[in-house]
Amino acid sequence: RHEMNGSLDEIVAACSRLVRAGGRVSMVHRP
């Protein structure tokens, strides 16, 4: 439930590093 192993920014950064150019990142979160 809590960002104990990575902040929102760090999680988004990881997604960006791991996806190719033009690839998609999909997330579910709270509004």
Full PDB file with SEQRES, HELIX, SHEET, SSBOND, CRYST1, ORIGX, SCALE, CONECT and MASTER records, all heavy atoms in Angstrom:
SEQRES   1 A   31  ARG HIS GLU MET ASN GLY SER LEU ASP GLU ILE VAL ALA          
SEQRES   2 A   31  ALA CYS SER ARG LEU VAL ARG ALA GLY GLY ARG VAL SER          
SEQRES   3 A   31  MET VAL HIS ARG PRO                                          
HELIX    1 AA1 LEU A    8  LEU A   18  1                                  11    
CRYST1    1.000    1.000    1.000  90.00  90.00  90.00 P 1           1          
ORIGX1      1.000000  0.000000  0.000000        0.00000                         
ORIGX2      0.000000  1.000000  0.000000        0.00000                         
ORIGX3      0.000000  0.000000  1.000000        0.00000                         
SCALE1      1.000000  0.000000  0.000000        0.00000                         
SCALE2      0.000000  1.000000  0.000000        0.00000                         
SCALE3      0.000000  0.000000  1.000000        0.00000                         
ATOM      1  N   ARG A   1       0.795  -1.229   0.000  1.00  0.00           N  
ATOM      2  CA  ARG A   1       0.000   0.000   0.000  1.00  0.00           C  
ATOM      3  C   ARG A   1       0.824   1.275   0.000  1.00  0.00           C  
ATOM      4  O   ARG A   1       0.353   2.328  -0.433  1.00  0.00           O  
ATOM      5  CB  ARG A   1      -0.914   0.003   1.229  1.00  0.00           C  
ATOM      6  CG  ARG A   1      -2.033  -1.027   1.172  1.00  0.00           C  
ATOM      7  CD  ARG A   1      -2.751  -1.112   2.495  1.00  0.00           C  
ATOM      8  NE  ARG A   1      -3.945  -1.962   2.405  1.00  0.00           N  
ATOM      9  CZ  ARG A   1      -4.542  -2.530   3.438  1.00  0.00           C  
ATOM     10  NH1 ARG A   1      -4.053  -2.347   4.644  1.00  0.00           N  
ATOM     11  NH2 ARG A   1      -5.623  -3.267   3.280  1.00  0.00           N  
ATOM     12  N   HIS A   2       2.060   1.210   0.513  1.00  0.00           N  
ATOM     13  CA  HIS A   2       2.865   2.410   0.698  1.00  0.00           C  
ATOM     14  C   HIS A   2       4.149   2.325  -0.121  1.00  0.00           C  
ATOM     15  O   HIS A   2       4.705   1.244  -0.334  1.00  0.00           O  
ATOM     16  CB  HIS A   2       3.208   2.591   2.180  1.00  0.00           C  
ATOM     17  CG  HIS A   2       1.999   2.616   3.067  1.00  0.00           C  
ATOM     18  ND1 HIS A   2       1.261   3.742   3.307  1.00  0.00           N  
ATOM     19  CD2 HIS A   2       1.382   1.626   3.762  1.00  0.00           C  
ATOM     20  CE1 HIS A   2       0.257   3.468   4.108  1.00  0.00           C  
ATOM     21  NE2 HIS A   2       0.306   2.181   4.399  1.00  0.00           N  
ATOM     22  N   GLU A   3       4.649   3.477  -0.523  1.00  0.00           N  
ATOM     23  CA  GLU A   3       5.848   3.552  -1.364  1.00  0.00           C  
ATOM     24  C   GLU A   3       7.110   3.349  -0.526  1.00  0.00           C  
ATOM     25  O   GLU A   3       7.955   4.230  -0.420  1.00  0.00           O  
ATOM     26  CB  GLU A   3       5.874   4.893  -2.083  1.00  0.00           C  
ATOM     27  CG  GLU A   3       4.731   5.057  -3.077  1.00  0.00           C  
ATOM     28  CD  GLU A   3       4.587   6.486  -3.581  1.00  0.00           C  
ATOM     29  OE1 GLU A   3       5.303   7.384  -3.070  1.00  0.00           O  
ATOM     30  OE2 GLU A   3       3.779   6.713  -4.489  1.00  0.00           O  
ATOM     31  N   MET A   4       7.243   2.164   0.037  1.00  0.00           N  
ATOM     32  CA  MET A   4       8.376   1.842   0.896  1.00  0.00           C  
ATOM     33  C   MET A   4       9.594   1.395   0.092  1.00  0.00           C  
ATOM     34  O   MET A   4      10.720   1.387   0.597  1.00  0.00           O  
ATOM     35  CB  MET A   4       7.979   0.751   1.899  1.00  0.00           C  
ATOM     36  CG  MET A   4       6.860   1.167   2.837  1.00  0.00           C  
ATOM     37  SD  MET A   4       6.216  -0.204   3.839  1.00  0.00           S  
ATOM     38  CE  MET A   4       7.678  -0.654   4.788  1.00  0.00           C  
ATOM     39  N   ASN A   5       9.373   0.988  -1.147  1.00  0.00           N  
ATOM     40  CA  ASN A   5      10.469   0.481  -1.982  1.00  0.00           C  
ATOM     41  C   ASN A   5      10.517   1.217  -3.313  1.00  0.00           C  
ATOM     42  O   ASN A   5      10.753   0.626  -4.359  1.00  0.00           O  
ATOM     43  CB  ASN A   5      10.285  -1.020  -2.217  1.00  0.00           C  
ATOM     44  CG  ASN A   5      10.365  -1.809  -0.933  1.00  0.00           C  
ATOM     45  OD1 ASN A   5      11.429  -1.952  -0.343  1.00  0.00           O  
ATOM     46  ND2 ASN A   5       9.218  -2.323  -0.484  1.00  0.00           N  
ATOM     47  N   GLY A   6      10.314   2.520  -3.227  1.00  0.00           N  
ATOM     48  CA  GLY A   6      10.362   3.345  -4.426  1.00  0.00           C  
ATOM     49  C   GLY A   6       9.218   4.339  -4.454  1.00  0.00           C  
ATOM     50  O   GLY A   6       8.059   3.964  -4.282  1.00  0.00           O  
ATOM     51  N   SER A   7       9.557   5.598  -4.655  1.00  0.00           N  
ATOM     52  CA  SER A   7       8.544   6.641  -4.765  1.00  0.00           C  
ATOM     53  C   SER A   7       7.848   6.550  -6.118  1.00  0.00           C  
ATOM     54  O   SER A   7       8.290   5.829  -7.030  1.00  0.00           O  
ATOM     55  CB  SER A   7       9.200   8.011  -4.618  1.00  0.00           C  
ATOM     56  OG  SER A   7      10.071   8.244  -5.727  1.00  0.00           O  
ATOM     57  N   LEU A   8       6.752   7.277  -6.269  1.00  0.00           N  
ATOM     58  CA  LEU A   8       6.058   7.326  -7.556  1.00  0.00           C  
ATOM     59  C   LEU A   8       7.013   7.747  -8.661  1.00  0.00           C  
ATOM     60  O   LEU A   8       7.032   7.152  -9.746  1.00  0.00           O  
ATOM     61  CB  LEU A   8       4.871   8.286  -7.475  1.00  0.00           C  
ATOM     62  CG  LEU A   8       4.077   8.515  -8.760  1.00  0.00           C  
ATOM     63  CD1 LEU A   8       3.497   7.216  -9.300  1.00  0.00           C  
ATOM     64  CD2 LEU A   8       2.961   9.535  -8.511  1.00  0.00           C  
ATOM     65  N   ASP A   9       7.837   8.751  -8.402  1.00  0.00           N  
ATOM     66  CA  ASP A   9       8.799   9.211  -9.405  1.00  0.00           C  
ATOM     67  C   ASP A   9       9.785   8.113  -9.772  1.00  0.00           C  
ATOM     68  O   ASP A   9      10.110   7.920 -10.953  1.00  0.00           O  
ATOM     69  CB  ASP A   9       9.548  10.435  -8.879  1.00  0.00           C  
ATOM     70  CG  ASP A   9      10.468  11.040  -9.922  1.00  0.00           C  
ATOM     71  OD1 ASP A   9       9.963  11.722 -10.839  1.00  0.00           O  
ATOM     72  OD2 ASP A   9      11.693  10.828  -9.833  1.00  0.00           O  
ATOM     73  N   GLU A  10      10.274   7.370  -8.785  1.00  0.00           N  
ATOM     74  CA  GLU A  10      11.225   6.295  -9.057  1.00  0.00           C  
ATOM     75  C   GLU A  10      10.578   5.157  -9.839  1.00  0.00           C  
ATOM     76  O   GLU A  10      11.216   4.536 -10.698  1.00  0.00           O  
ATOM     77  CB  GLU A  10      11.804   5.763  -7.742  1.00  0.00           C  
ATOM     78  CG  GLU A  10      12.746   6.744  -7.056  1.00  0.00           C  
ATOM     79  CD  GLU A  10      13.199   6.256  -5.700  1.00  0.00           C  
ATOM     80  OE1 GLU A  10      12.361   5.744  -4.924  1.00  0.00           O  
ATOM     81  OE2 GLU A  10      14.408   6.389  -5.397  1.00  0.00           O  
ATOM     82  N   ILE A  11       9.315   4.881  -9.548  1.00  0.00           N  
ATOM     83  CA  ILE A  11       8.612   3.813 -10.274  1.00  0.00           C  
ATOM     84  C   ILE A  11       8.402   4.214 -11.734  1.00  0.00           C  
ATOM     85  O   ILE A  11       8.617   3.412 -12.649  1.00  0.00           O  
ATOM     86  CB  ILE A  11       7.275   3.502  -9.573  1.00  0.00           C  
ATOM     87  CG1 ILE A  11       7.541   2.830  -8.217  1.00  0.00           C  
ATOM     88  CG2 ILE A  11       6.399   2.604 -10.449  1.00  0.00           C  
ATOM     89  CD1 ILE A  11       6.320   2.725  -7.330  1.00  0.00           C  
ATOM     90  N   VAL A  12       7.996   5.461 -11.962  1.00  0.00           N  
ATOM     91  CA  VAL A  12       7.819   5.936 -13.342  1.00  0.00           C  
ATOM     92  C   VAL A  12       9.159   5.936 -14.074  1.00  0.00           C  
ATOM     93  O   VAL A  12       9.242   5.560 -15.245  1.00  0.00           O  
ATOM     94  CB  VAL A  12       7.178   7.338 -13.346  1.00  0.00           C  
ATOM     95  CG1 VAL A  12       7.155   7.916 -14.756  1.00  0.00           C  
ATOM     96  CG2 VAL A  12       5.759   7.268 -12.795  1.00  0.00           C  
ATOM     97  N   ALA A  13      10.220   6.341 -13.392  1.00  0.00           N  
ATOM     98  CA  ALA A  13      11.553   6.323 -14.008  1.00  0.00           C  
ATOM     99  C   ALA A  13      11.938   4.911 -14.428  1.00  0.00           C  
ATOM    100  O   ALA A  13      12.500   4.701 -15.518  1.00  0.00           O  
ATOM    101  CB  ALA A  13      12.584   6.880 -13.024  1.00  0.00           C  
ATOM    102  N   ALA A  14      11.647   3.916 -13.580  1.00  0.00           N  
ATOM    103  CA  ALA A  14      11.954   2.530 -13.923  1.00  0.00           C  
ATOM    104  C   ALA A  14      11.178   2.094 -15.159  1.00  0.00           C  
ATOM    105  O   ALA A  14      11.725   1.434 -16.054  1.00  0.00           O  
ATOM    106  CB  ALA A  14      11.628   1.620 -12.736  1.00  0.00           C  
ATOM    107  N   CYS A  15       9.899   2.462 -15.220  1.00  0.00           N  
ATOM    108  CA  CYS A  15       9.093   2.128 -16.403  1.00  0.00           C  
ATOM    109  C   CYS A  15       9.732   2.705 -17.668  1.00  0.00           C  
ATOM    110  O   CYS A  15       9.816   2.029 -18.702  1.00  0.00           O  
ATOM    111  CB  CYS A  15       7.676   2.677 -16.253  1.00  0.00           C  
ATOM    112  SG  CYS A  15       6.678   1.910 -14.968  1.00  0.00           S  
ATOM    113  N   SER A  16      10.160   3.948 -17.574  1.00  0.00           N  
ATOM    114  CA  SER A  16      10.744   4.622 -18.742  1.00  0.00           C  
ATOM    115  C   SER A  16      12.038   3.951 -19.184  1.00  0.00           C  
ATOM    116  O   SER A  16      12.296   3.808 -20.387  1.00  0.00           O  
ATOM    117  CB  SER A  16      10.995   6.091 -18.411  1.00  0.00           C  
ATOM    118  OG  SER A  16      11.542   6.772 -19.517  1.00  0.00           O  
ATOM    119  N   ARG A  17      12.866   3.545 -18.243  1.00  0.00           N  
ATOM    120  CA  ARG A  17      14.120   2.880 -18.596  1.00  0.00           C  
ATOM    121  C   ARG A  17      13.874   1.541 -19.291  1.00  0.00           C  
ATOM    122  O   ARG A  17      14.641   1.130 -20.164  1.00  0.00           O  
ATOM    123  CB  ARG A  17      14.963   2.636 -17.342  1.00  0.00           C  
ATOM    124  CG  ARG A  17      15.491   3.879 -16.669  1.00  0.00           C  
ATOM    125  CD  ARG A  17      16.447   3.516 -15.550  1.00  0.00           C  
ATOM    126  NE  ARG A  17      16.799   4.684 -14.761  1.00  0.00           N  
ATOM    127  CZ  ARG A  17      16.292   4.984 -13.578  1.00  0.00           C  
ATOM    128  NH1 ARG A  17      15.413   4.158 -13.018  1.00  0.00           N  
ATOM    129  NH2 ARG A  17      16.658   6.066 -12.928  1.00  0.00           N  
ATOM    130  N   LEU A  18      12.817   0.864 -18.898  1.00  0.00           N  
ATOM    131  CA  LEU A  18      12.608  -0.520 -19.330  1.00  0.00           C  
ATOM    132  C   LEU A  18      11.796  -0.656 -20.611  1.00  0.00           C  
ATOM    133  O   LEU A  18      11.844  -1.697 -21.262  1.00  0.00           O  
ATOM    134  CB  LEU A  18      11.944  -1.304 -18.193  1.00  0.00           C  
ATOM    135  CG  LEU A  18      12.864  -1.546 -16.992  1.00  0.00           C  
ATOM    136  CD1 LEU A  18      12.060  -1.832 -15.735  1.00  0.00           C  
ATOM    137  CD2 LEU A  18      13.823  -2.691 -17.290  1.00  0.00           C  
ATOM    138  N   VAL A  19      11.059   0.371 -21.007  1.00  0.00           N  
ATOM    139  CA  VAL A  19      10.240   0.284 -22.215  1.00  0.00           C  
ATOM    140  C   VAL A  19      11.004   0.900 -23.389  1.00  0.00           C  
ATOM    141  O   VAL A  19      11.765   1.854 -23.229  1.00  0.00           O  
ATOM    142  CB  VAL A  19       8.886   0.994 -22.000  1.00  0.00           C  
ATOM    143  CG1 VAL A  19       9.038   2.521 -21.990  1.00  0.00           C  
ATOM    144  CG2 VAL A  19       7.874   0.551 -23.048  1.00  0.00           C  
ATOM    145  N   ARG A  20      10.793   0.339 -24.560  1.00  0.00           N  
ATOM    146  CA  ARG A  20      11.470   0.839 -25.761  1.00  0.00           C  
ATOM    147  C   ARG A  20      10.825   2.145 -26.236  1.00  0.00           C  
ATOM    148  O   ARG A  20       9.693   2.478 -25.844  1.00  0.00           O  
ATOM    149  CB  ARG A  20      11.388  -0.192 -26.888  1.00  0.00           C  
ATOM    150  CG  ARG A  20       9.980  -0.462 -27.377  1.00  0.00           C  
ATOM    151  CD  ARG A  20       9.987  -1.317 -28.637  1.00  0.00           C  
ATOM    152  NE  ARG A  20       8.646  -1.714 -29.048  1.00  0.00           N  
ATOM    153  CZ  ARG A  20       7.792  -0.950 -29.728  1.00  0.00           C  
ATOM    154  NH1 ARG A  20       8.125   0.286 -30.055  1.00  0.00           N  
ATOM    155  NH2 ARG A  20       6.600  -1.410 -30.073  1.00  0.00           N  
ATOM    156  N   ALA A  21      11.515   2.886 -27.083  1.00  0.00           N  
ATOM    157  CA  ALA A  21      10.949   4.079 -27.708  1.00  0.00           C  
ATOM    158  C   ALA A  21       9.701   3.684 -28.488  1.00  0.00           C  
ATOM    159  O   ALA A  21       9.719   2.731 -29.272  1.00  0.00           O  
ATOM    160  CB  ALA A  21      11.959   4.743 -28.622  1.00  0.00           C  
ATOM    161  N   GLY A  22       8.623   4.391 -28.258  1.00  0.00           N  
ATOM    162  CA  GLY A  22       7.362   4.071 -28.905  1.00  0.00           C  
ATOM    163  C   GLY A  22       6.537   3.044 -28.160  1.00  0.00           C  
ATOM    164  O   GLY A  22       5.370   2.831 -28.484  1.00  0.00           O  
ATOM    165  N   GLY A  23       7.136   2.383 -27.166  1.00  0.00           N  
ATOM    166  CA  GLY A  23       6.412   1.400 -26.383  1.00  0.00           C  
ATOM    167  C   GLY A  23       5.467   2.059 -25.399  1.00  0.00           C  
ATOM    168  O   GLY A  23       5.506   3.275 -25.186  1.00  0.00           O  
ATOM    169  N   ARG A  24       4.605   1.247 -24.777  1.00  0.00           N  
ATOM    170  CA  ARG A  24       3.546   1.769 -23.917  1.00  0.00           C  
ATOM    171  C   ARG A  24       3.768   1.406 -22.458  1.00  0.00           C  
ATOM    172  O   ARG A  24       4.208   0.300 -22.134  1.00  0.00           O  
ATOM    173  CB  ARG A  24       2.197   1.213 -24.371  1.00  0.00           C  
ATOM    174  CG  ARG A  24       1.850   1.556 -25.815  1.00  0.00           C  
ATOM    175  CD  ARG A  24       1.294   2.955 -25.940  1.00  0.00           C  
ATOM    176  NE  ARG A  24       1.243   3.408 -27.327  1.00  0.00           N  
ATOM    177  CZ  ARG A  24       0.405   4.333 -27.780  1.00  0.00           C  
ATOM    178  NH1 ARG A  24      -0.464   4.889 -26.950  1.00  0.00           N  
ATOM    179  NH2 ARG A  24       0.438   4.712 -29.038  1.00  0.00           N  
ATOM    180  N   VAL A  25       3.417   2.335 -21.580  1.00  0.00           N  
ATOM    181  CA  VAL A  25       3.420   2.113 -20.139  1.00  0.00           C  
ATOM    182  C   VAL A  25       2.006   2.369 -19.638  1.00  0.00           C  
ATOM    183  O   VAL A  25       1.448   3.453 -19.868  1.00  0.00           O  
ATOM    184  CB  VAL A  25       4.412   3.046 -19.425  1.00  0.00           C  
ATOM    185  CG1 VAL A  25       4.244   2.929 -17.901  1.00  0.00           C  
ATOM    186  CG2 VAL A  25       5.845   2.717 -19.831  1.00  0.00           C  
ATOM    187  N   SER A  26       1.418   1.388 -18.982  1.00  0.00           N  
ATOM    188  CA  SER A  26       0.051   1.502 -18.470  1.00  0.00           C  
ATOM    189  C   SER A  26       0.057   1.380 -16.953  1.00  0.00           C  
ATOM    190  O   SER A  26       0.709   0.495 -16.400  1.00  0.00           O  
ATOM    191  CB  SER A  26      -0.843   0.421 -19.075  1.00  0.00           C  
ATOM    192  OG  SER A  26      -0.888   0.540 -20.488  1.00  0.00           O  
ATOM    193  N   MET A  27      -0.697   2.257 -16.290  1.00  0.00           N  
ATOM    194  CA  MET A  27      -0.714   2.326 -14.833  1.00  0.00           C  
ATOM    195  C   MET A  27      -2.141   2.497 -14.328  1.00  0.00           C  
ATOM    196  O   MET A  27      -2.968   3.130 -14.992  1.00  0.00           O  
ATOM    197  CB  MET A  27       0.141   3.509 -14.364  1.00  0.00           C  
ATOM    198  CG  MET A  27       0.133   3.768 -12.866  1.00  0.00           C  
ATOM    199  SD  MET A  27       1.028   5.291 -12.376  1.00  0.00           S  
ATOM    200  CE  MET A  27       2.725   4.796 -12.734  1.00  0.00           C  
ATOM    201  N   VAL A  28      -2.422   1.932 -13.161  1.00  0.00           N  
ATOM    202  CA  VAL A  28      -3.647   2.229 -12.431  1.00  0.00           C  
ATOM    203  C   VAL A  28      -3.250   2.887 -11.121  1.00  0.00           C  
ATOM    204  O   VAL A  28      -2.286   2.475 -10.466  1.00  0.00           O  
ATOM    205  CB  VAL A  28      -4.507   0.964 -12.212  1.00  0.00           C  
ATOM    206  CG1 VAL A  28      -3.766  -0.086 -11.390  1.00  0.00           C  
ATOM    207  CG2 VAL A  28      -5.847   1.316 -11.564  1.00  0.00           C  
ATOM    208  N   HIS A  29      -3.989   3.931 -10.736  1.00  0.00           N  
ATOM    209  CA  HIS A  29      -3.629   4.663  -9.528  1.00  0.00           C  
ATOM    210  C   HIS A  29      -4.865   5.400  -9.012  1.00  0.00           C  
ATOM    211  O   HIS A  29      -5.971   5.202  -9.515  1.00  0.00           O  
ATOM    212  CB  HIS A  29      -2.492   5.648  -9.821  1.00  0.00           C  
ATOM    213  CG  HIS A  29      -1.512   5.803  -8.709  1.00  0.00           C  
ATOM    214  ND1 HIS A  29      -1.857   6.378  -7.499  1.00  0.00           N  
ATOM    215  CD2 HIS A  29      -0.195   5.486  -8.608  1.00  0.00           C  
ATOM    216  CE1 HIS A  29      -0.798   6.385  -6.702  1.00  0.00           C  
ATOM    217  NE2 HIS A  29       0.227   5.852  -7.343  1.00  0.00           N  
ATOM    218  N   ARG A  30      -4.647   6.258  -8.029  1.00  0.00           N  
ATOM    219  CA  ARG A  30      -5.717   7.059  -7.468  1.00  0.00           C  
ATOM    220  C   ARG A  30      -5.795   8.414  -8.166  1.00  0.00           C  
ATOM    221  O   ARG A  30      -4.756   9.047  -8.421  1.00  0.00           O  
ATOM    222  CB  ARG A  30      -5.498   7.277  -5.967  1.00  0.00           C  
ATOM    223  CG  ARG A  30      -5.771   6.030  -5.140  1.00  0.00           C  
ATOM    224  CD  ARG A  30      -5.686   6.339  -3.660  1.00  0.00           C  
ATOM    225  NE  ARG A  30      -6.062   5.182  -2.860  1.00  0.00           N  
ATOM    226  CZ  ARG A  30      -6.001   5.135  -1.537  1.00  0.00           C  
ATOM    227  NH1 ARG A  30      -5.566   6.202  -0.863  1.00  0.00           N  
ATOM    228  NH2 ARG A  30      -6.364   4.057  -0.881  1.00  0.00           N  
ATOM    229  N   PRO A  31      -7.000   8.906  -8.458  1.00  0.00           N  
ATOM    230  CA  PRO A  31      -7.136  10.217  -9.104  1.00  0.00           C  
ATOM    231  C   PRO A  31      -6.498  11.355  -8.310  1.00  0.00           C  
ATOM    232  O   PRO A  31      -6.044  12.337  -8.898  1.00  0.00           O  
ATOM    233  CB  PRO A  31      -8.656  10.402  -9.205  1.00  0.00           C  
ATOM    234  CG  PRO A  31      -9.206   9.016  -9.224  1.00  0.00           C  
ATOM    235  CD  PRO A  31      -8.308   8.230  -8.313  1.00  0.00           C  
TER     236      PRO A  31                                                      
MASTER        0    0    0    1    0    0    0    6  235    1    0    3          
END                                                                             
